[in-house]
Amino acid sequence: MKIIPLFFCCILLNSLTIAQTNPALADTLAKMVVIDQQAAGLPPKGLTFDSPVWQHFKDSVFTSHHKRLEKMLDSYGYPGSDMVGEEGAHHFWLLVQHLDKWPAFQQQVIKAMEQQVADKKASSKDLAYLTDRVRLNTGGKQVYGTQVTYNTDSCQAIPKPLEDPASVNERRKAAGLEPLENYLNMMSESHFLMNKEMYEKKGIKGPKLYEQKNK
């Protein structure tokens, strides 16, 4: 007799889980990310970054995605993990992250995302990255130091204009991010590997690293 109520409880819980998700939307976002990563990545062999053909492809992808994501935001708000799963929520953020031509839309997403982060249905790390990107896109200074440039004379990552650098690690910790110095070292190492041939021609055999900070 005790097994039957437990069985029905499981069915009820599963039904609630299904009711709280939108697998079709999650699938759409996953497919959009595949194309997004092609447009955000390296041009295919035979094309350069400034090639008109490549630029047209990138512009068409991001313009199309902007229109689709705008409709999604209007219909659902920011799709959190309860609707599309953690991966789906991350996918929506990633697609918006690349829409630098539409900072006003990115700002709309930030406002919608803030509540989802507060409800633990979206990533605080993702929000930090998008916040920094929009700040810089609109002429401001970033908050968390996620956006970097590189000193190519030493192969060292340097944060783009940063607000109140002295307390940046406090803000990063609150967002769930590692200390800035550790992050910059990771970016420097990655940059060196991607451009190893160029740096070795300069006689640089490794990236210049910052002193590591405790997490």
N, C-alpha and C. Protein backbone atom coordinates (compact mmCIF):
# COMPACT_ATOMS: atom_id res chain seq x y z
N MET A 1 0.83 -1.21 0.00
CA MET A 1 0.00 0.00 0.00
C MET A 1 0.87 1.27 0.00
N LYS A 2 2.04 1.20 0.63
CA LYS A 2 2.90 2.38 0.70
C LYS A 2 3.58 2.65 -0.64
N ILE A 3 3.73 1.59 -1.44
CA ILE A 3 4.43 1.76 -2.70
C ILE A 3 3.61 2.59 -3.68
N ILE A 4 2.30 2.44 -3.66
CA ILE A 4 1.44 3.11 -4.63
C ILE A 4 1.49 4.63 -4.49
N PRO A 5 1.33 5.18 -3.27
CA PRO A 5 1.43 6.63 -3.14
C PRO A 5 2.79 7.17 -3.59
N LEU A 6 3.88 6.43 -3.26
CA LEU A 6 5.21 6.86 -3.65
C LEU A 6 5.33 6.89 -5.17
N PHE A 7 4.74 5.88 -5.81
CA PHE A 7 4.77 5.79 -7.26
C PHE A 7 4.08 7.01 -7.90
N PHE A 8 2.91 7.33 -7.36
CA PHE A 8 2.17 8.47 -7.89
C PHE A 8 2.88 9.79 -7.59
N CYS A 9 3.58 9.84 -6.47
CA CYS A 9 4.37 11.04 -6.15
C CYS A 9 5.46 11.26 -7.20
N CYS A 10 6.10 10.15 -7.61
CA CYS A 10 7.16 10.23 -8.61
C CYS A 10 6.59 10.73 -9.94
N ILE A 11 5.41 10.21 -10.30
CA ILE A 11 4.77 10.65 -11.54
C ILE A 11 4.46 12.14 -11.48
N LEU A 12 3.96 12.58 -10.32
CA LEU A 12 3.61 13.98 -10.15
C LEU A 12 4.84 14.87 -10.26
N LEU A 13 5.95 14.46 -9.64
CA LEU A 13 7.18 15.24 -9.70
C LEU A 13 7.70 15.31 -11.12
N ASN A 14 7.64 14.19 -11.83
CA ASN A 14 8.10 14.18 -13.21
C ASN A 14 7.24 15.08 -14.08
N SER A 15 5.94 15.08 -13.82
CA SER A 15 5.03 15.92 -14.59
C SER A 15 5.32 17.40 -14.36
N LEU A 16 5.63 17.73 -13.10
CA LEU A 16 5.95 19.12 -12.78
C LEU A 16 7.24 19.54 -13.47
N THR A 17 8.22 18.61 -13.49
CA THR A 17 9.50 18.92 -14.15
C THR A 17 9.29 19.19 -15.63
N ILE A 18 8.48 18.32 -16.28
CA ILE A 18 8.21 18.49 -17.70
C ILE A 18 7.49 19.81 -17.95
N ALA A 19 6.54 20.14 -17.06
CA ALA A 19 5.75 21.36 -17.23
C ALA A 19 6.61 22.61 -17.10
N GLN A 20 7.72 22.51 -16.40
CA GLN A 20 8.56 23.68 -16.16
C GLN A 20 9.63 23.86 -17.24
N THR A 21 9.70 23.00 -18.22
CA THR A 21 10.74 23.09 -19.23
C THR A 21 10.15 23.31 -20.62
N ASN A 22 10.99 23.80 -21.50
CA ASN A 22 10.59 24.02 -22.90
C ASN A 22 11.67 23.39 -23.77
N PRO A 23 11.60 22.06 -23.96
CA PRO A 23 12.65 21.37 -24.72
C PRO A 23 12.77 21.86 -26.16
N ALA A 24 11.67 22.30 -26.75
CA ALA A 24 11.72 22.79 -28.13
C ALA A 24 12.58 24.06 -28.21
N LEU A 25 12.39 24.95 -27.23
CA LEU A 25 13.19 26.18 -27.19
C LEU A 25 14.65 25.86 -26.92
N ALA A 26 14.90 24.93 -26.02
CA ALA A 26 16.27 24.52 -25.71
C ALA A 26 16.95 23.96 -26.96
N ASP A 27 16.22 23.18 -27.73
CA ASP A 27 16.76 22.59 -28.97
C ASP A 27 17.06 23.69 -29.99
N THR A 28 16.17 24.66 -30.10
CA THR A 28 16.38 25.77 -31.02
C THR A 28 17.64 26.55 -30.66
N LEU A 29 17.81 26.82 -29.37
CA LEU A 29 19.00 27.56 -28.92
C LEU A 29 20.28 26.79 -29.21
N ALA A 30 20.24 25.48 -29.00
CA ALA A 30 21.42 24.64 -29.25
C ALA A 30 21.81 24.69 -30.73
N LYS A 31 20.83 24.65 -31.61
CA LYS A 31 21.11 24.71 -33.05
C LYS A 31 21.64 26.09 -33.44
N MET A 32 21.11 27.13 -32.84
CA MET A 32 21.59 28.48 -33.12
C MET A 32 23.03 28.65 -32.69
N VAL A 33 23.40 28.02 -31.58
CA VAL A 33 24.78 28.14 -31.07
C VAL A 33 25.77 27.52 -32.04
N VAL A 34 25.41 26.44 -32.70
CA VAL A 34 26.31 25.81 -33.67
C VAL A 34 26.69 26.82 -34.76
N ILE A 35 25.70 27.52 -35.28
CA ILE A 35 25.96 28.52 -36.32
C ILE A 35 26.69 29.73 -35.74
N ASP A 36 26.30 30.11 -34.53
CA ASP A 36 26.95 31.24 -33.85
C ASP A 36 28.45 31.00 -33.71
N GLN A 37 28.83 29.80 -33.32
CA GLN A 37 30.24 29.49 -33.11
C GLN A 37 31.03 29.51 -34.42
N GLN A 38 30.36 29.19 -35.51
CA GLN A 38 31.02 29.30 -36.82
C GLN A 38 31.28 30.77 -37.16
N ALA A 39 30.27 31.61 -36.92
CA ALA A 39 30.40 33.03 -37.24
C ALA A 39 31.38 33.74 -36.31
N ALA A 40 31.45 33.29 -35.06
CA ALA A 40 32.33 33.93 -34.07
C ALA A 40 33.75 33.38 -34.12
N GLY A 41 33.96 32.32 -34.89
CA GLY A 41 35.26 31.68 -34.93
C GLY A 41 36.14 32.18 -36.06
N LEU A 42 37.06 31.33 -36.48
CA LEU A 42 38.00 31.68 -37.54
C LEU A 42 37.34 31.49 -38.91
N PRO A 43 37.68 32.35 -39.87
CA PRO A 43 37.13 32.17 -41.22
C PRO A 43 37.69 30.89 -41.85
N PRO A 44 36.95 30.27 -42.74
CA PRO A 44 37.43 29.05 -43.39
C PRO A 44 38.63 29.33 -44.28
N LYS A 45 39.31 28.29 -44.66
CA LYS A 45 40.49 28.42 -45.50
C LYS A 45 40.15 29.16 -46.79
N GLY A 46 40.99 30.10 -47.14
CA GLY A 46 40.78 30.88 -48.35
C GLY A 46 40.14 32.23 -48.09
N LEU A 47 39.64 32.45 -46.86
CA LEU A 47 39.04 33.72 -46.50
C LEU A 47 39.81 34.35 -45.34
N THR A 48 39.77 35.67 -45.25
CA THR A 48 40.40 36.40 -44.15
C THR A 48 39.31 37.08 -43.33
N PHE A 49 39.69 37.61 -42.17
CA PHE A 49 38.71 38.26 -41.30
C PHE A 49 38.03 39.44 -41.97
N ASP A 50 38.76 40.16 -42.83
CA ASP A 50 38.18 41.33 -43.48
C ASP A 50 37.61 41.01 -44.87
N SER A 51 37.53 39.75 -45.21
CA SER A 51 36.95 39.35 -46.49
C SER A 51 35.47 39.74 -46.53
N PRO A 52 35.00 40.39 -47.62
CA PRO A 52 33.58 40.77 -47.73
C PRO A 52 32.65 39.57 -47.60
N VAL A 53 33.05 38.44 -48.14
CA VAL A 53 32.22 37.24 -48.06
C VAL A 53 32.06 36.80 -46.61
N TRP A 54 33.17 36.81 -45.86
CA TRP A 54 33.14 36.39 -44.46
C TRP A 54 32.35 37.39 -43.61
N GLN A 55 32.55 38.68 -43.87
CA GLN A 55 31.83 39.70 -43.12
C GLN A 55 30.32 39.62 -43.38
N HIS A 56 29.95 39.34 -44.62
CA HIS A 56 28.53 39.21 -44.95
C HIS A 56 27.92 38.02 -44.20
N PHE A 57 28.66 36.92 -44.15
CA PHE A 57 28.18 35.74 -43.44
C PHE A 57 27.98 36.05 -41.95
N LYS A 58 28.98 36.67 -41.32
CA LYS A 58 28.88 37.00 -39.91
C LYS A 58 27.70 37.94 -39.65
N ASP A 59 27.60 38.99 -40.47
CA ASP A 59 26.52 39.96 -40.27
C ASP A 59 25.15 39.32 -40.42
N SER A 60 25.02 38.43 -41.41
CA SER A 60 23.72 37.80 -41.63
C SER A 60 23.35 36.89 -40.47
N VAL A 61 24.33 36.16 -39.92
CA VAL A 61 24.07 35.27 -38.79
C VAL A 61 23.65 36.08 -37.56
N PHE A 62 24.44 37.09 -37.20
CA PHE A 62 24.15 37.85 -35.99
C PHE A 62 22.87 38.67 -36.12
N THR A 63 22.59 39.18 -37.31
CA THR A 63 21.35 39.93 -37.52
C THR A 63 20.14 39.01 -37.37
N SER A 64 20.23 37.84 -37.96
CA SER A 64 19.13 36.86 -37.85
C SER A 64 18.94 36.44 -36.40
N HIS A 65 20.04 36.19 -35.70
CA HIS A 65 19.95 35.77 -34.31
C HIS A 65 19.39 36.88 -33.42
N HIS A 66 19.76 38.10 -33.71
CA HIS A 66 19.22 39.21 -32.93
C HIS A 66 17.70 39.25 -33.01
N LYS A 67 17.16 39.12 -34.21
CA LYS A 67 15.71 39.16 -34.40
C LYS A 67 15.03 38.00 -33.67
N ARG A 68 15.62 36.81 -33.77
CA ARG A 68 15.02 35.64 -33.13
C ARG A 68 15.08 35.73 -31.61
N LEU A 69 16.22 36.17 -31.10
CA LEU A 69 16.38 36.27 -29.64
C LEU A 69 15.50 37.38 -29.06
N GLU A 70 15.31 38.43 -29.83
CA GLU A 70 14.44 39.51 -29.39
C GLU A 70 13.01 38.99 -29.21
N LYS A 71 12.55 38.17 -30.15
CA LYS A 71 11.21 37.58 -30.06
C LYS A 71 11.11 36.64 -28.87
N MET A 72 12.18 35.88 -28.63
CA MET A 72 12.19 34.97 -27.49
C MET A 72 12.10 35.74 -26.18
N LEU A 73 12.87 36.83 -26.09
CA LEU A 73 12.86 37.63 -24.86
C LEU A 73 11.48 38.22 -24.62
N ASP A 74 10.85 38.67 -25.70
CA ASP A 74 9.50 39.24 -25.58
C ASP A 74 8.49 38.17 -25.14
N SER A 75 8.68 36.95 -25.62
CA SER A 75 7.71 35.88 -25.35
C SER A 75 7.92 35.22 -23.99
N TYR A 76 9.19 35.02 -23.60
CA TYR A 76 9.48 34.22 -22.41
C TYR A 76 10.22 34.97 -21.31
N GLY A 77 10.72 36.18 -21.61
CA GLY A 77 11.68 36.76 -20.69
C GLY A 77 13.00 36.03 -20.89
N TYR A 78 13.91 36.15 -19.94
CA TYR A 78 15.17 35.40 -20.06
C TYR A 78 14.87 33.94 -19.76
N PRO A 79 15.14 33.02 -20.71
CA PRO A 79 14.85 31.60 -20.48
C PRO A 79 15.82 30.99 -19.48
N GLY A 80 15.37 30.78 -18.26
CA GLY A 80 16.22 30.24 -17.21
C GLY A 80 16.29 28.73 -17.24
N SER A 81 17.03 28.18 -16.30
CA SER A 81 17.26 26.74 -16.25
C SER A 81 15.98 25.96 -16.02
N ASP A 82 14.98 26.57 -15.39
CA ASP A 82 13.72 25.87 -15.18
C ASP A 82 12.95 25.70 -16.48
N MET A 83 13.27 26.54 -17.47
CA MET A 83 12.58 26.47 -18.75
C MET A 83 13.35 25.67 -19.79
N VAL A 84 14.66 25.91 -19.89
CA VAL A 84 15.46 25.28 -20.95
C VAL A 84 16.67 24.51 -20.42
N GLY A 85 16.77 24.36 -19.10
CA GLY A 85 17.92 23.68 -18.53
C GLY A 85 19.11 24.61 -18.40
N GLU A 86 20.10 24.21 -17.64
CA GLU A 86 21.29 25.05 -17.44
C GLU A 86 22.00 25.33 -18.75
N GLU A 87 22.11 24.30 -19.59
CA GLU A 87 22.80 24.46 -20.86
C GLU A 87 22.04 25.44 -21.76
N GLY A 88 20.73 25.32 -21.79
CA GLY A 88 19.93 26.22 -22.61
C GLY A 88 20.03 27.66 -22.15
N ALA A 89 20.01 27.88 -20.83
CA ALA A 89 20.16 29.23 -20.29
C ALA A 89 21.52 29.81 -20.67
N HIS A 90 22.54 28.96 -20.63
CA HIS A 90 23.89 29.38 -21.02
C HIS A 90 23.94 29.69 -22.52
N HIS A 91 23.26 28.88 -23.32
CA HIS A 91 23.24 29.10 -24.76
C HIS A 91 22.63 30.45 -25.11
N PHE A 92 21.53 30.81 -24.44
CA PHE A 92 20.90 32.09 -24.70
C PHE A 92 21.88 33.22 -24.41
N TRP A 93 22.56 33.12 -23.28
CA TRP A 93 23.57 34.14 -22.92
C TRP A 93 24.66 34.22 -23.97
N LEU A 94 25.17 33.07 -24.41
CA LEU A 94 26.27 33.05 -25.37
C LEU A 94 25.88 33.74 -26.67
N LEU A 95 24.68 33.49 -27.14
CA LEU A 95 24.19 34.11 -28.36
C LEU A 95 24.09 35.63 -28.21
N VAL A 96 23.60 36.07 -27.07
CA VAL A 96 23.47 37.51 -26.82
C VAL A 96 24.83 38.16 -26.67
N GLN A 97 25.78 37.44 -26.10
CA GLN A 97 27.13 37.95 -25.87
C GLN A 97 27.78 38.42 -27.18
N HIS A 98 27.39 37.81 -28.28
CA HIS A 98 28.01 38.13 -29.57
C HIS A 98 27.25 39.20 -30.35
N LEU A 99 26.22 39.77 -29.77
CA LEU A 99 25.42 40.78 -30.48
C LEU A 99 25.88 42.20 -30.13
N ASP A 100 27.16 42.45 -30.34
CA ASP A 100 27.74 43.74 -29.95
C ASP A 100 27.18 44.92 -30.73
N LYS A 101 26.58 44.67 -31.88
CA LYS A 101 25.99 45.76 -32.66
C LYS A 101 24.68 46.26 -32.06
N TRP A 102 24.17 45.52 -31.08
CA TRP A 102 22.88 45.87 -30.48
C TRP A 102 23.01 45.96 -28.95
N PRO A 103 23.81 46.90 -28.46
CA PRO A 103 24.02 47.01 -27.00
C PRO A 103 22.74 47.30 -26.22
N ALA A 104 21.78 47.99 -26.85
CA ALA A 104 20.52 48.28 -26.16
C ALA A 104 19.77 46.97 -25.88
N PHE A 105 19.83 46.06 -26.82
CA PHE A 105 19.19 44.76 -26.61
C PHE A 105 19.95 43.97 -25.55
N GLN A 106 21.27 44.01 -25.60
CA GLN A 106 22.07 43.34 -24.58
C GLN A 106 21.72 43.86 -23.19
N GLN A 107 21.49 45.16 -23.09
CA GLN A 107 21.13 45.75 -21.79
C GLN A 107 19.77 45.25 -21.33
N GLN A 108 18.83 45.08 -22.26
CA GLN A 108 17.53 44.50 -21.93
C GLN A 108 17.70 43.10 -21.36
N VAL A 109 18.57 42.34 -21.97
CA VAL A 109 18.81 40.97 -21.52
C VAL A 109 19.41 40.96 -20.13
N ILE A 110 20.33 41.89 -19.86
CA ILE A 110 20.93 41.98 -18.53
C ILE A 110 19.86 42.19 -17.47
N LYS A 111 18.95 43.11 -17.73
CA LYS A 111 17.89 43.40 -16.75
C LYS A 111 17.02 42.16 -16.51
N ALA A 112 16.69 41.46 -17.59
CA ALA A 112 15.88 40.25 -17.45
C ALA A 112 16.67 39.13 -16.77
N MET A 113 17.96 39.10 -17.03
CA MET A 113 18.82 38.04 -16.50
C MET A 113 19.08 38.21 -15.01
N GLU A 114 19.11 39.44 -14.54
CA GLU A 114 19.43 39.71 -13.13
C GLU A 114 18.47 38.98 -12.20
N GLN A 115 17.19 38.98 -12.52
CA GLN A 115 16.21 38.29 -11.67
C GLN A 115 16.40 36.79 -11.72
N GLN A 116 16.74 36.27 -12.91
CA GLN A 116 16.96 34.83 -13.04
C GLN A 116 18.20 34.40 -12.24
N VAL A 117 19.21 35.24 -12.23
CA VAL A 117 20.40 34.94 -11.42
C VAL A 117 20.05 34.97 -9.94
N ALA A 118 19.26 35.95 -9.54
CA ALA A 118 18.83 36.03 -8.14
C ALA A 118 18.02 34.80 -7.73
N ASP A 119 17.27 34.25 -8.68
CA ASP A 119 16.47 33.05 -8.42
C ASP A 119 17.25 31.76 -8.68
N LYS A 120 18.55 31.91 -8.98
CA LYS A 120 19.44 30.77 -9.24
C LYS A 120 18.98 29.95 -10.45
N LYS A 121 18.47 30.65 -11.45
CA LYS A 121 18.05 29.99 -12.68
C LYS A 121 18.92 30.40 -13.87
N ALA A 122 19.94 31.20 -13.60
CA ALA A 122 20.91 31.60 -14.61
C ALA A 122 22.25 31.83 -13.91
N SER A 123 23.31 31.84 -14.68
CA SER A 123 24.66 31.89 -14.13
C SER A 123 25.11 33.31 -13.79
N SER A 124 25.58 33.50 -12.58
CA SER A 124 26.12 34.80 -12.18
C SER A 124 27.41 35.10 -12.95
N LYS A 125 28.14 34.06 -13.32
CA LYS A 125 29.35 34.25 -14.13
C LYS A 125 29.00 34.79 -15.51
N ASP A 126 27.99 34.19 -16.13
CA ASP A 126 27.56 34.66 -17.44
C ASP A 126 27.11 36.11 -17.38
N LEU A 127 26.38 36.45 -16.33
CA LEU A 127 25.91 37.83 -16.16
C LEU A 127 27.08 38.79 -16.04
N ALA A 128 28.13 38.39 -15.34
CA ALA A 128 29.31 39.24 -15.18
C ALA A 128 29.97 39.51 -16.54
N TYR A 129 30.10 38.48 -17.35
CA TYR A 129 30.72 38.64 -18.67
C TYR A 129 29.88 39.58 -19.55
N LEU A 130 28.57 39.40 -19.55
CA LEU A 130 27.73 40.25 -20.39
C LEU A 130 27.71 41.68 -19.88
N THR A 131 27.72 41.86 -18.56
CA THR A 131 27.76 43.20 -17.98
C THR A 131 29.00 43.96 -18.44
N ASP A 132 30.16 43.28 -18.37
CA ASP A 132 31.41 43.91 -18.81
C ASP A 132 31.37 44.26 -20.29
N ARG A 133 30.85 43.36 -21.06
CA ARG A 133 30.81 43.57 -22.52
C ARG A 133 29.96 44.79 -22.87
N VAL A 134 28.79 44.89 -22.24
CA VAL A 134 27.90 46.02 -22.52
C VAL A 134 28.50 47.32 -22.00
N ARG A 135 29.12 47.29 -20.84
CA ARG A 135 29.76 48.49 -20.28
C ARG A 135 30.76 49.06 -21.29
N LEU A 136 31.60 48.18 -21.84
CA LEU A 136 32.61 48.63 -22.79
C LEU A 136 32.00 49.06 -24.11
N ASN A 137 30.96 48.33 -24.56
CA ASN A 137 30.30 48.66 -25.82
C ASN A 137 29.61 50.02 -25.78
N THR A 138 29.29 50.48 -24.58
CA THR A 138 28.58 51.76 -24.45
C THR A 138 29.48 52.86 -23.88
N GLY A 139 30.80 52.64 -23.96
CA GLY A 139 31.74 53.68 -23.58
C GLY A 139 32.09 53.74 -22.11
N GLY A 140 31.66 52.75 -21.33
CA GLY A 140 31.96 52.75 -19.91
C GLY A 140 33.15 51.86 -19.56
N LYS A 141 33.33 51.63 -18.28
CA LYS A 141 34.38 50.75 -17.80
C LYS A 141 33.76 49.45 -17.30
N GLN A 142 34.49 48.36 -17.49
CA GLN A 142 33.96 47.07 -17.05
C GLN A 142 34.06 46.93 -15.53
N VAL A 143 33.28 46.00 -15.01
CA VAL A 143 33.16 45.83 -13.56
C VAL A 143 34.01 44.66 -13.06
N TYR A 144 34.09 43.60 -13.86
CA TYR A 144 34.71 42.35 -13.39
C TYR A 144 36.04 42.01 -14.07
N GLY A 145 36.42 42.74 -15.08
CA GLY A 145 37.69 42.48 -15.75
C GLY A 145 37.69 41.27 -16.67
N THR A 146 36.53 40.90 -17.20
CA THR A 146 36.45 39.71 -18.05
C THR A 146 36.92 39.97 -19.48
N GLN A 147 36.93 41.23 -19.89
CA GLN A 147 37.30 41.58 -21.27
C GLN A 147 38.75 42.06 -21.29
N VAL A 148 39.56 41.45 -22.14
CA VAL A 148 41.00 41.73 -22.09
C VAL A 148 41.55 42.11 -23.47
N THR A 149 42.73 42.70 -23.42
CA THR A 149 43.55 42.91 -24.60
C THR A 149 44.92 42.31 -24.28
N TYR A 150 45.87 42.40 -25.20
CA TYR A 150 47.15 41.73 -24.97
C TYR A 150 48.33 42.64 -25.29
N ASN A 151 49.34 42.58 -24.44
CA ASN A 151 50.62 43.20 -24.72
C ASN A 151 51.42 42.19 -25.55
N THR A 152 51.53 42.43 -26.84
CA THR A 152 52.17 41.46 -27.72
C THR A 152 53.70 41.50 -27.62
N ASP A 153 54.24 42.44 -26.83
CA ASP A 153 55.69 42.46 -26.61
C ASP A 153 56.10 41.48 -25.51
N SER A 154 55.11 41.05 -24.71
CA SER A 154 55.42 40.14 -23.61
C SER A 154 54.45 38.97 -23.53
N CYS A 155 53.41 39.00 -24.37
CA CYS A 155 52.34 37.99 -24.34
C CYS A 155 51.71 37.96 -22.95
N GLN A 156 51.13 39.08 -22.58
CA GLN A 156 50.46 39.18 -21.28
C GLN A 156 49.08 39.80 -21.47
N ALA A 157 48.06 39.16 -20.93
CA ALA A 157 46.70 39.68 -20.99
C ALA A 157 46.56 40.87 -20.05
N ILE A 158 45.86 41.89 -20.51
CA ILE A 158 45.64 43.10 -19.74
C ILE A 158 44.15 43.42 -19.78
N PRO A 159 43.53 43.67 -18.63
CA PRO A 159 42.11 43.99 -18.66
C PRO A 159 41.85 45.31 -19.37
N LYS A 160 40.79 45.36 -20.16
CA LYS A 160 40.37 46.61 -20.76
C LYS A 160 39.90 47.54 -19.64
N PRO A 161 39.65 48.83 -19.94
CA PRO A 161 39.33 49.80 -18.87
C PRO A 161 38.43 49.23 -17.79
N LEU A 162 38.91 49.35 -16.54
CA LEU A 162 38.29 48.68 -15.41
C LEU A 162 37.94 49.66 -14.30
N GLU A 163 36.73 49.52 -13.80
CA GLU A 163 36.25 50.38 -12.72
C GLU A 163 36.78 49.89 -11.37
N ASP A 164 37.36 50.78 -10.59
CA ASP A 164 37.83 50.48 -9.24
C ASP A 164 38.64 49.18 -9.19
N PRO A 165 39.81 49.16 -9.83
CA PRO A 165 40.62 47.94 -9.89
C PRO A 165 40.97 47.34 -8.53
N ALA A 166 41.12 48.19 -7.51
CA ALA A 166 41.54 47.71 -6.19
C ALA A 166 40.57 46.71 -5.59
N SER A 167 39.29 46.83 -5.91
CA SER A 167 38.30 45.92 -5.31
C SER A 167 37.71 44.94 -6.32
N VAL A 168 38.36 44.79 -7.47
CA VAL A 168 37.79 43.93 -8.51
C VAL A 168 37.65 42.48 -8.06
N ASN A 169 38.61 41.99 -7.26
CA ASN A 169 38.53 40.58 -6.86
C ASN A 169 37.37 40.32 -5.89
N GLU A 170 36.98 41.34 -5.15
CA GLU A 170 35.80 41.19 -4.29
C GLU A 170 34.55 41.02 -5.15
N ARG A 171 34.47 41.81 -6.21
CA ARG A 171 33.31 41.71 -7.10
C ARG A 171 33.34 40.39 -7.86
N ARG A 172 34.51 39.97 -8.27
CA ARG A 172 34.63 38.70 -8.99
C ARG A 172 34.23 37.52 -8.10
N LYS A 173 34.67 37.56 -6.86
CA LYS A 173 34.32 36.48 -5.93
C LYS A 173 32.81 36.40 -5.72
N ALA A 174 32.17 37.55 -5.61
CA ALA A 174 30.72 37.58 -5.41
C ALA A 174 29.98 36.99 -6.61
N ALA A 175 30.60 37.11 -7.80
CA ALA A 175 29.99 36.57 -9.02
C ALA A 175 30.40 35.13 -9.28
N GLY A 176 31.24 34.57 -8.41
CA GLY A 176 31.68 33.19 -8.59
C GLY A 176 32.87 33.03 -9.50
N LEU A 177 33.60 34.12 -9.72
CA LEU A 177 34.76 34.10 -10.61
C LEU A 177 36.07 33.97 -9.82
N GLU A 178 37.08 33.41 -10.46
CA GLU A 178 38.39 33.30 -9.84
C GLU A 178 39.05 34.68 -9.75
N PRO A 179 40.12 34.83 -8.93
CA PRO A 179 40.83 36.12 -8.86
C PRO A 179 41.28 36.57 -10.24
N LEU A 180 41.30 37.87 -10.45
CA LEU A 180 41.60 38.42 -11.77
C LEU A 180 42.96 37.97 -12.27
N GLU A 181 43.96 37.95 -11.38
CA GLU A 181 45.31 37.58 -11.81
C GLU A 181 45.34 36.16 -12.38
N ASN A 182 44.61 35.26 -11.75
CA ASN A 182 44.56 33.87 -12.22
C ASN A 182 43.88 33.79 -13.59
N TYR A 183 42.81 34.56 -13.74
CA TYR A 183 42.08 34.58 -15.01
C TYR A 183 42.96 35.15 -16.13
N LEU A 184 43.66 36.24 -15.84
CA LEU A 184 44.53 36.85 -16.84
C LEU A 184 45.65 35.89 -17.25
N ASN A 185 46.18 35.14 -16.28
CA ASN A 185 47.22 34.17 -16.62
C ASN A 185 46.69 33.08 -17.55
N MET A 186 45.47 32.63 -17.29
CA MET A 186 44.85 31.63 -18.15
C MET A 186 44.68 32.17 -19.57
N MET A 187 44.25 33.42 -19.66
CA MET A 187 44.07 34.04 -20.98
C MET A 187 45.41 34.24 -21.69
N SER A 188 46.44 34.59 -20.93
CA SER A 188 47.78 34.77 -21.50
C SER A 188 48.31 33.46 -22.05
N GLU A 189 48.13 32.39 -21.29
CA GLU A 189 48.60 31.07 -21.73
C GLU A 189 47.86 30.62 -22.98
N SER A 190 46.58 30.84 -23.01
CA SER A 190 45.78 30.46 -24.18
C SER A 190 46.20 31.27 -25.40
N HIS A 191 46.42 32.57 -25.19
CA HIS A 191 46.83 33.45 -26.28
C HIS A 191 48.19 33.02 -26.84
N PHE A 192 49.08 32.63 -25.95
CA PHE A 192 50.40 32.19 -26.40
C PHE A 192 50.29 30.93 -27.27
N LEU A 193 49.49 29.97 -26.84
CA LEU A 193 49.34 28.73 -27.61
C LEU A 193 48.73 28.99 -28.98
N MET A 194 47.79 29.93 -29.03
CA MET A 194 47.13 30.24 -30.30
C MET A 194 48.05 31.00 -31.26
N ASN A 195 49.05 31.68 -30.69
CA ASN A 195 49.96 32.50 -31.51
C ASN A 195 51.42 32.12 -31.27
N LYS A 196 51.63 30.86 -30.98
CA LYS A 196 52.97 30.39 -30.59
C LYS A 196 54.03 30.69 -31.63
N GLU A 197 53.71 30.46 -32.88
CA GLU A 197 54.71 30.68 -33.95
C GLU A 197 55.13 32.15 -34.00
N MET A 198 54.18 33.06 -33.90
CA MET A 198 54.50 34.48 -33.94
C MET A 198 55.39 34.88 -32.77
N TYR A 199 55.05 34.39 -31.57
CA TYR A 199 55.83 34.78 -30.39
C TYR A 199 57.23 34.16 -30.40
N GLU A 200 57.34 32.94 -30.87
CA GLU A 200 58.66 32.30 -30.92
C GLU A 200 59.59 33.01 -31.89
N LYS A 201 59.01 33.59 -32.95
CA LYS A 201 59.82 34.37 -33.89
C LYS A 201 60.36 35.62 -33.21
N LYS A 202 59.62 36.11 -32.20
CA LYS A 202 60.07 37.27 -31.43
C LYS A 202 61.03 36.89 -30.31
N GLY A 203 61.24 35.58 -30.14
CA GLY A 203 62.10 35.11 -29.06
C GLY A 203 61.38 34.95 -27.74
N ILE A 204 60.07 35.00 -27.78
CA ILE A 204 59.26 34.84 -26.57
C ILE A 204 58.84 33.37 -26.47
N LYS A 205 59.26 32.71 -25.39
CA LYS A 205 59.03 31.27 -25.26
C LYS A 205 57.89 30.91 -24.32
N GLY A 206 57.23 31.93 -23.81
CA GLY A 206 56.09 31.68 -22.93
C GLY A 206 55.46 33.00 -22.53
N PRO A 207 54.24 32.97 -22.03
CA PRO A 207 53.57 34.21 -21.63
C PRO A 207 54.15 34.80 -20.35
N LYS A 208 54.00 36.10 -20.20
CA LYS A 208 54.37 36.75 -18.95
C LYS A 208 53.18 36.64 -18.00
N LEU A 209 53.41 36.10 -16.83
CA LEU A 209 52.32 35.81 -15.90
C LEU A 209 52.33 36.74 -14.69
N TYR A 210 51.16 36.93 -14.12
CA TYR A 210 51.00 37.69 -12.89
C TYR A 210 51.21 36.76 -11.70
N GLU A 211 51.47 37.34 -10.55
CA GLU A 211 51.58 36.54 -9.33
C GLU A 211 50.20 35.96 -9.01
N GLN A 212 50.16 34.65 -8.80
CA GLN A 212 48.89 33.98 -8.54
C GLN A 212 48.30 34.40 -7.21
N LYS A 213 46.98 34.54 -7.18
CA LYS A 213 46.26 34.89 -5.97
C LYS A 213 45.46 33.68 -5.48
N ASN A 214 45.24 33.61 -4.19
CA ASN A 214 44.41 32.53 -3.65
C ASN A 214 42.98 32.76 -4.06
N LYS A 215 42.29 31.66 -4.30
CA LYS A 215 40.88 31.76 -4.73
C LYS A 215 40.01 32.09 -3.54
